[in-house]
Amino acid sequence: MLYERAASLVVNRGYTNVATFSGGIPAWKNAGHALNTSRALPEVKINFIDTEEFRRRFSTNCVLDIRIPSLYKQGVYSQHMRHEVEQTTREHRMKYHKKMPLSKLPKSYKRIPKDLPIIIVDHNGKQSKLAAKFLADKGYSDLFCLKGGLMALGQ
């Protein structure tokens, strides 16, 4: 079933509180349950940057890491960007480098500063576009996504 496959994909991304409703949305509606829908996120032009541009901007932009917490332990920055990290002040990293899993973005996005361009990074470049659309909908501009995600740094 499609809904089981979708749930499996979500679990594989690290989410733990996942359930399915047998029969999916049609069965949910047939059972008389309400179906809340909200407006779709806006279609916005997403600007992608490559790893070289990311390295150049690392110390002067806001970096939003939307990976799940278990992926933070991979140490991508320390492995592949030692020089860039050393060139960035601790104060800048504390204020402008945010770890905020995509699932927490709706409740925590107001902690993201608006005074610098924002580079959104994820594991492999597949979720950052959704985060960029969400932030654009909340009034953020000057948004960029790292093409290929942080895994592209090791290539």
C-alpha atoms as a PDB file:
ATOM      1  CA  MET A   1       0.000   0.000   0.000  1.00  0.00           C
ATOM      2  CA  LEU A   2       1.157   3.509  -0.815  1.00  0.00           C
ATOM      3  CA  TYR A   3       0.524   4.900   2.682  1.00  0.00           C
ATOM      4  CA  GLU A   4       2.679   2.149   4.223  1.00  0.00           C
ATOM      5  CA  ARG A   5       5.493   2.946   1.817  1.00  0.00           C
ATOM      6  CA  ALA A   6       5.218   6.649   2.665  1.00  0.00           C
ATOM      7  CA  ALA A   7       5.349   5.878   6.393  1.00  0.00           C
ATOM      8  CA  SER A   8       8.404   3.685   5.829  1.00  0.00           C
ATOM      9  CA  LEU A   9      10.190   6.513   4.022  1.00  0.00           C
ATOM     10  CA  VAL A  10       9.440   8.872   6.886  1.00  0.00           C
ATOM     11  CA  VAL A  11      10.755   6.375   9.448  1.00  0.00           C
ATOM     12  CA  ASN A  12      13.918   5.919   7.361  1.00  0.00           C
ATOM     13  CA  ARG A  13      14.512   9.656   7.634  1.00  0.00           C
ATOM     14  CA  GLY A  14      14.656   9.326  11.406  1.00  0.00           C
ATOM     15  CA  TYR A  15      11.145  10.230  12.521  1.00  0.00           C
ATOM     16  CA  THR A  16       9.905   8.081  15.374  1.00  0.00           C
ATOM     17  CA  ASN A  17       6.279   9.047  16.059  1.00  0.00           C
ATOM     18  CA  VAL A  18       4.812   7.673  12.826  1.00  0.00           C
ATOM     19  CA  ALA A  19       1.479   5.901  12.398  1.00  0.00           C
ATOM     20  CA  THR A  20      -0.690   4.937   9.468  1.00  0.00           C
ATOM     21  CA  PHE A  21      -4.418   4.710   9.047  1.00  0.00           C
ATOM     22  CA  SER A  22      -5.371   1.557   7.184  1.00  0.00           C
ATOM     23  CA  GLY A  23      -6.750   2.625   3.837  1.00  0.00           C
ATOM     24  CA  GLY A  24      -5.118   6.038   3.913  1.00  0.00           C
ATOM     25  CA  ILE A  25      -6.970   9.312   3.406  1.00  0.00           C
ATOM     26  CA  PRO A  26      -9.968   7.812   1.567  1.00  0.00           C
ATOM     27  CA  ALA A  27     -10.652   5.424   4.459  1.00  0.00           C
ATOM     28  CA  TRP A  28     -10.142   8.262   6.965  1.00  0.00           C
ATOM     29  CA  LYS A  29     -12.779  10.365   5.171  1.00  0.00           C
ATOM     30  CA  ASN A  30     -15.137   7.385   4.779  1.00  0.00           C
ATOM     31  CA  ALA A  31     -14.896   6.803   8.533  1.00  0.00           C
ATOM     32  CA  GLY A  32     -16.307  10.313   9.010  1.00  0.00           C
ATOM     33  CA  HIS A  33     -13.124  11.927  10.346  1.00  0.00           C
ATOM     34  CA  ALA A  34     -12.355  15.532   9.543  1.00  0.00           C
ATOM     35  CA  LEU A  35      -9.602  16.251   7.090  1.00  0.00           C
ATOM     36  CA  ASN A  36      -7.847  19.516   7.744  1.00  0.00           C
ATOM     37  CA  THR A  37      -6.017  21.013   4.821  1.00  0.00           C
ATOM     38  CA  SER A  38      -4.123  24.231   4.704  1.00  0.00           C
ATOM     39  CA  ARG A  39      -3.020  26.277   1.821  1.00  0.00           C
ATOM     40  CA  ALA A  40      -0.035  25.028  -0.089  1.00  0.00           C
ATOM     41  CA  LEU A  41       3.345  26.624   0.395  1.00  0.00           C
ATOM     42  CA  PRO A  42       4.060  29.282  -2.207  1.00  0.00           C
ATOM     43  CA  GLU A  43       5.867  28.451  -5.397  1.00  0.00           C
ATOM     44  CA  VAL A  44       9.070  30.419  -5.056  1.00  0.00           C
ATOM     45  CA  LYS A  45      12.250  30.355  -7.071  1.00  0.00           C
ATOM     46  CA  ILE A  46      14.768  28.425  -5.039  1.00  0.00           C
ATOM     47  CA  ASN A  47      18.380  29.487  -5.369  1.00  0.00           C
ATOM     48  CA  PHE A  48      20.833  26.602  -5.158  1.00  0.00           C
ATOM     49  CA  ILE A  49      24.519  27.068  -4.449  1.00  0.00           C
ATOM     50  CA  ASP A  50      27.335  24.579  -4.951  1.00  0.00           C
ATOM     51  CA  THR A  51      29.859  23.503  -2.339  1.00  0.00           C
ATOM     52  CA  GLU A  52      32.465  26.088  -3.400  1.00  0.00           C
ATOM     53  CA  GLU A  53      29.964  28.924  -2.980  1.00  0.00           C
ATOM     54  CA  PHE A  54      28.898  27.424   0.345  1.00  0.00           C
ATOM     55  CA  ARG A  55      32.517  27.455   1.534  1.00  0.00           C
ATOM     56  CA  ARG A  56      32.893  31.111   0.491  1.00  0.00           C
ATOM     57  CA  ARG A  57      29.704  32.145   2.292  1.00  0.00           C
ATOM     58  CA  PHE A  58      30.073  29.966   5.398  1.00  0.00           C
ATOM     59  CA  SER A  59      31.507  32.678   7.631  1.00  0.00           C
ATOM     60  CA  THR A  60      29.296  35.541   6.428  1.00  0.00           C
ATOM     61  CA  ASN A  61      25.839  33.968   6.032  1.00  0.00           C
ATOM     62  CA  CYS A  62      23.343  32.298   8.324  1.00  0.00           C
ATOM     63  CA  VAL A  63      23.527  28.494   7.961  1.00  0.00           C
ATOM     64  CA  LEU A  64      20.393  26.548   8.816  1.00  0.00           C
ATOM     65  CA  ASP A  65      21.010  22.808   9.254  1.00  0.00           C
ATOM     66  CA  ILE A  66      17.647  20.999   9.032  1.00  0.00           C
ATOM     67  CA  ARG A  67      18.956  17.437   9.406  1.00  0.00           C
ATOM     68  CA  ILE A  68      17.627  15.115  12.085  1.00  0.00           C
ATOM     69  CA  PRO A  69      19.759  15.208  15.273  1.00  0.00           C
ATOM     70  CA  SER A  70      21.255  11.747  14.764  1.00  0.00           C
ATOM     71  CA  LEU A  71      22.950  13.023  11.593  1.00  0.00           C
ATOM     72  CA  TYR A  72      24.668  15.889  13.436  1.00  0.00           C
ATOM     73  CA  LYS A  73      27.077  13.342  14.890  1.00  0.00           C
ATOM     74  CA  GLN A  74      28.583  12.721  11.456  1.00  0.00           C
ATOM     75  CA  GLY A  75      30.750  15.805  11.930  1.00  0.00           C
ATOM     76  CA  VAL A  76      30.574  16.983   8.317  1.00  0.00           C
ATOM     77  CA  TYR A  77      31.791  20.467   9.158  1.00  0.00           C
ATOM     78  CA  SER A  78      34.809  19.282  11.118  1.00  0.00           C
ATOM     79  CA  GLN A  79      35.668  16.648   8.489  1.00  0.00           C
ATOM     80  CA  HIS A  80      35.355  18.678   5.313  1.00  0.00           C
ATOM     81  CA  MET A  81      35.356  22.339   6.329  1.00  0.00           C
ATOM     82  CA  ARG A  82      37.979  22.681   9.033  1.00  0.00           C
ATOM     83  CA  HIS A  83      39.495  25.808   7.445  1.00  0.00           C
ATOM     84  CA  GLU A  84      36.123  27.545   7.014  1.00  0.00           C
ATOM     85  CA  VAL A  85      35.075  26.756  10.581  1.00  0.00           C
ATOM     86  CA  GLU A  86      38.377  28.124  11.912  1.00  0.00           C
ATOM     87  CA  GLN A  87      37.843  31.347   9.934  1.00  0.00           C
ATOM     88  CA  THR A  88      34.447  31.896  11.569  1.00  0.00           C
ATOM     89  CA  THR A  89      34.182  33.457  14.996  1.00  0.00           C
ATOM     90  CA  ARG A  90      32.485  31.531  17.753  1.00  0.00           C
ATOM     91  CA  GLU A  91      30.071  34.448  18.196  1.00  0.00           C
ATOM     92  CA  HIS A  92      29.049  34.276  14.531  1.00  0.00           C
ATOM     93  CA  ARG A  93      28.472  30.520  14.752  1.00  0.00           C
ATOM     94  CA  MET A  94      26.428  30.877  17.952  1.00  0.00           C
ATOM     95  CA  LYS A  95      24.176  33.545  16.415  1.00  0.00           C
ATOM     96  CA  TYR A  96      24.021  32.499  12.775  1.00  0.00           C
ATOM     97  CA  HIS A  97      24.575  28.742  12.550  1.00  0.00           C
ATOM     98  CA  LYS A  98      21.376  27.006  13.621  1.00  0.00           C
ATOM     99  CA  LYS A  99      20.596  23.315  13.973  1.00  0.00           C
ATOM    100  CA  MET A 100      16.853  23.006  13.563  1.00  0.00           C
ATOM    101  CA  PRO A 101      15.400  19.727  12.268  1.00  0.00           C
ATOM    102  CA  LEU A 102      12.792  20.222   9.564  1.00  0.00           C
ATOM    103  CA  SER A 103      10.128  18.773  11.863  1.00  0.00           C
ATOM    104  CA  LYS A 104      10.816  21.557  14.420  1.00  0.00           C
ATOM    105  CA  LEU A 105      10.857  24.398  11.888  1.00  0.00           C
ATOM    106  CA  PRO A 106       7.160  25.396  12.264  1.00  0.00           C
ATOM    107  CA  LYS A 107       7.595  25.987  16.004  1.00  0.00           C
ATOM    108  CA  SER A 108      11.156  27.340  16.013  1.00  0.00           C
ATOM    109  CA  TYR A 109      11.639  29.342  12.813  1.00  0.00           C
ATOM    110  CA  LYS A 110      11.419  32.691  14.637  1.00  0.00           C
ATOM    111  CA  ARG A 111      14.864  31.949  16.134  1.00  0.00           C
ATOM    112  CA  ILE A 112      16.353  32.253  12.638  1.00  0.00           C
ATOM    113  CA  PRO A 113      17.762  35.755  12.126  1.00  0.00           C
ATOM    114  CA  LYS A 114      16.660  37.754   9.087  1.00  0.00           C
ATOM    115  CA  ASP A 115      19.639  40.105   8.867  1.00  0.00           C
ATOM    116  CA  LEU A 116      21.849  37.832   6.705  1.00  0.00           C
ATOM    117  CA  PRO A 117      21.281  35.572   3.704  1.00  0.00           C
ATOM    118  CA  ILE A 118      20.268  32.075   4.835  1.00  0.00           C
ATOM    119  CA  ILE A 119      21.824  28.924   3.445  1.00  0.00           C
ATOM    120  CA  ILE A 120      19.676  25.874   4.179  1.00  0.00           C
ATOM    121  CA  VAL A 121      21.541  22.582   4.388  1.00  0.00           C
ATOM    122  CA  ASP A 122      20.291  19.050   4.808  1.00  0.00           C
ATOM    123  CA  HIS A 123      21.795  15.603   4.457  1.00  0.00           C
ATOM    124  CA  ASN A 124      21.554  15.053   0.706  1.00  0.00           C
ATOM    125  CA  GLY A 125      19.735  18.051  -0.762  1.00  0.00           C
ATOM    126  CA  LYS A 126      16.226  16.614  -0.791  1.00  0.00           C
ATOM    127  CA  GLN A 127      14.505  18.512   2.027  1.00  0.00           C
ATOM    128  CA  SER A 128      16.070  21.961   1.931  1.00  0.00           C
ATOM    129  CA  LYS A 129      13.704  23.154  -0.813  1.00  0.00           C
ATOM    130  CA  LEU A 130      10.696  22.498   1.452  1.00  0.00           C
ATOM    131  CA  ALA A 131      12.328  24.479   4.265  1.00  0.00           C
ATOM    132  CA  ALA A 132      13.062  27.349   1.851  1.00  0.00           C
ATOM    133  CA  LYS A 133       9.418  27.442   0.729  1.00  0.00           C
ATOM    134  CA  PHE A 134       8.258  27.429   4.354  1.00  0.00           C
ATOM    135  CA  LEU A 135      10.593  30.293   5.314  1.00  0.00           C
ATOM    136  CA  ALA A 136       9.618  32.303   2.224  1.00  0.00           C
ATOM    137  CA  ASP A 137       5.992  31.922   3.296  1.00  0.00           C
ATOM    138  CA  LYS A 138       6.951  33.329   6.714  1.00  0.00           C
ATOM    139  CA  GLY A 139       8.552  36.432   5.208  1.00  0.00           C
ATOM    140  CA  TYR A 140      12.165  35.356   4.917  1.00  0.00           C
ATOM    141  CA  SER A 141      14.053  36.284   1.787  1.00  0.00           C
ATOM    142  CA  ASP A 142      17.566  35.845   0.440  1.00  0.00           C
ATOM    143  CA  LEU A 143      17.321  32.055   0.833  1.00  0.00           C
ATOM    144  CA  PHE A 144      19.721  29.526  -0.656  1.00  0.00           C
ATOM    145  CA  CYS A 145      19.898  25.717  -0.602  1.00  0.00           C
ATOM    146  CA  LEU A 146      23.106  23.707  -0.749  1.00  0.00           C
ATOM    147  CA  LYS A 147      22.910  21.568  -3.877  1.00  0.00           C
ATOM    148  CA  GLY A 148      23.408  17.914  -2.928  1.00  0.00           C
ATOM    149  CA  GLY A 149      23.286  18.706   0.791  1.00  0.00           C
ATOM    150  CA  LEU A 150      26.171  18.259   3.172  1.00  0.00           C
ATOM    151  CA  MET A 151      27.040  14.912   1.600  1.00  0.00           C
ATOM    152  CA  ALA A 152      28.236  16.867  -1.444  1.00  0.00           C
ATOM    153  CA  LEU A 153      31.067  18.321   0.661  1.00  0.00           C
ATOM    154  CA  GLY A 154      32.792  14.945   0.778  1.00  0.00           C
ATOM    155  CA  GLN A 155      32.749  14.433  -2.981  1.00  0.00           C
END
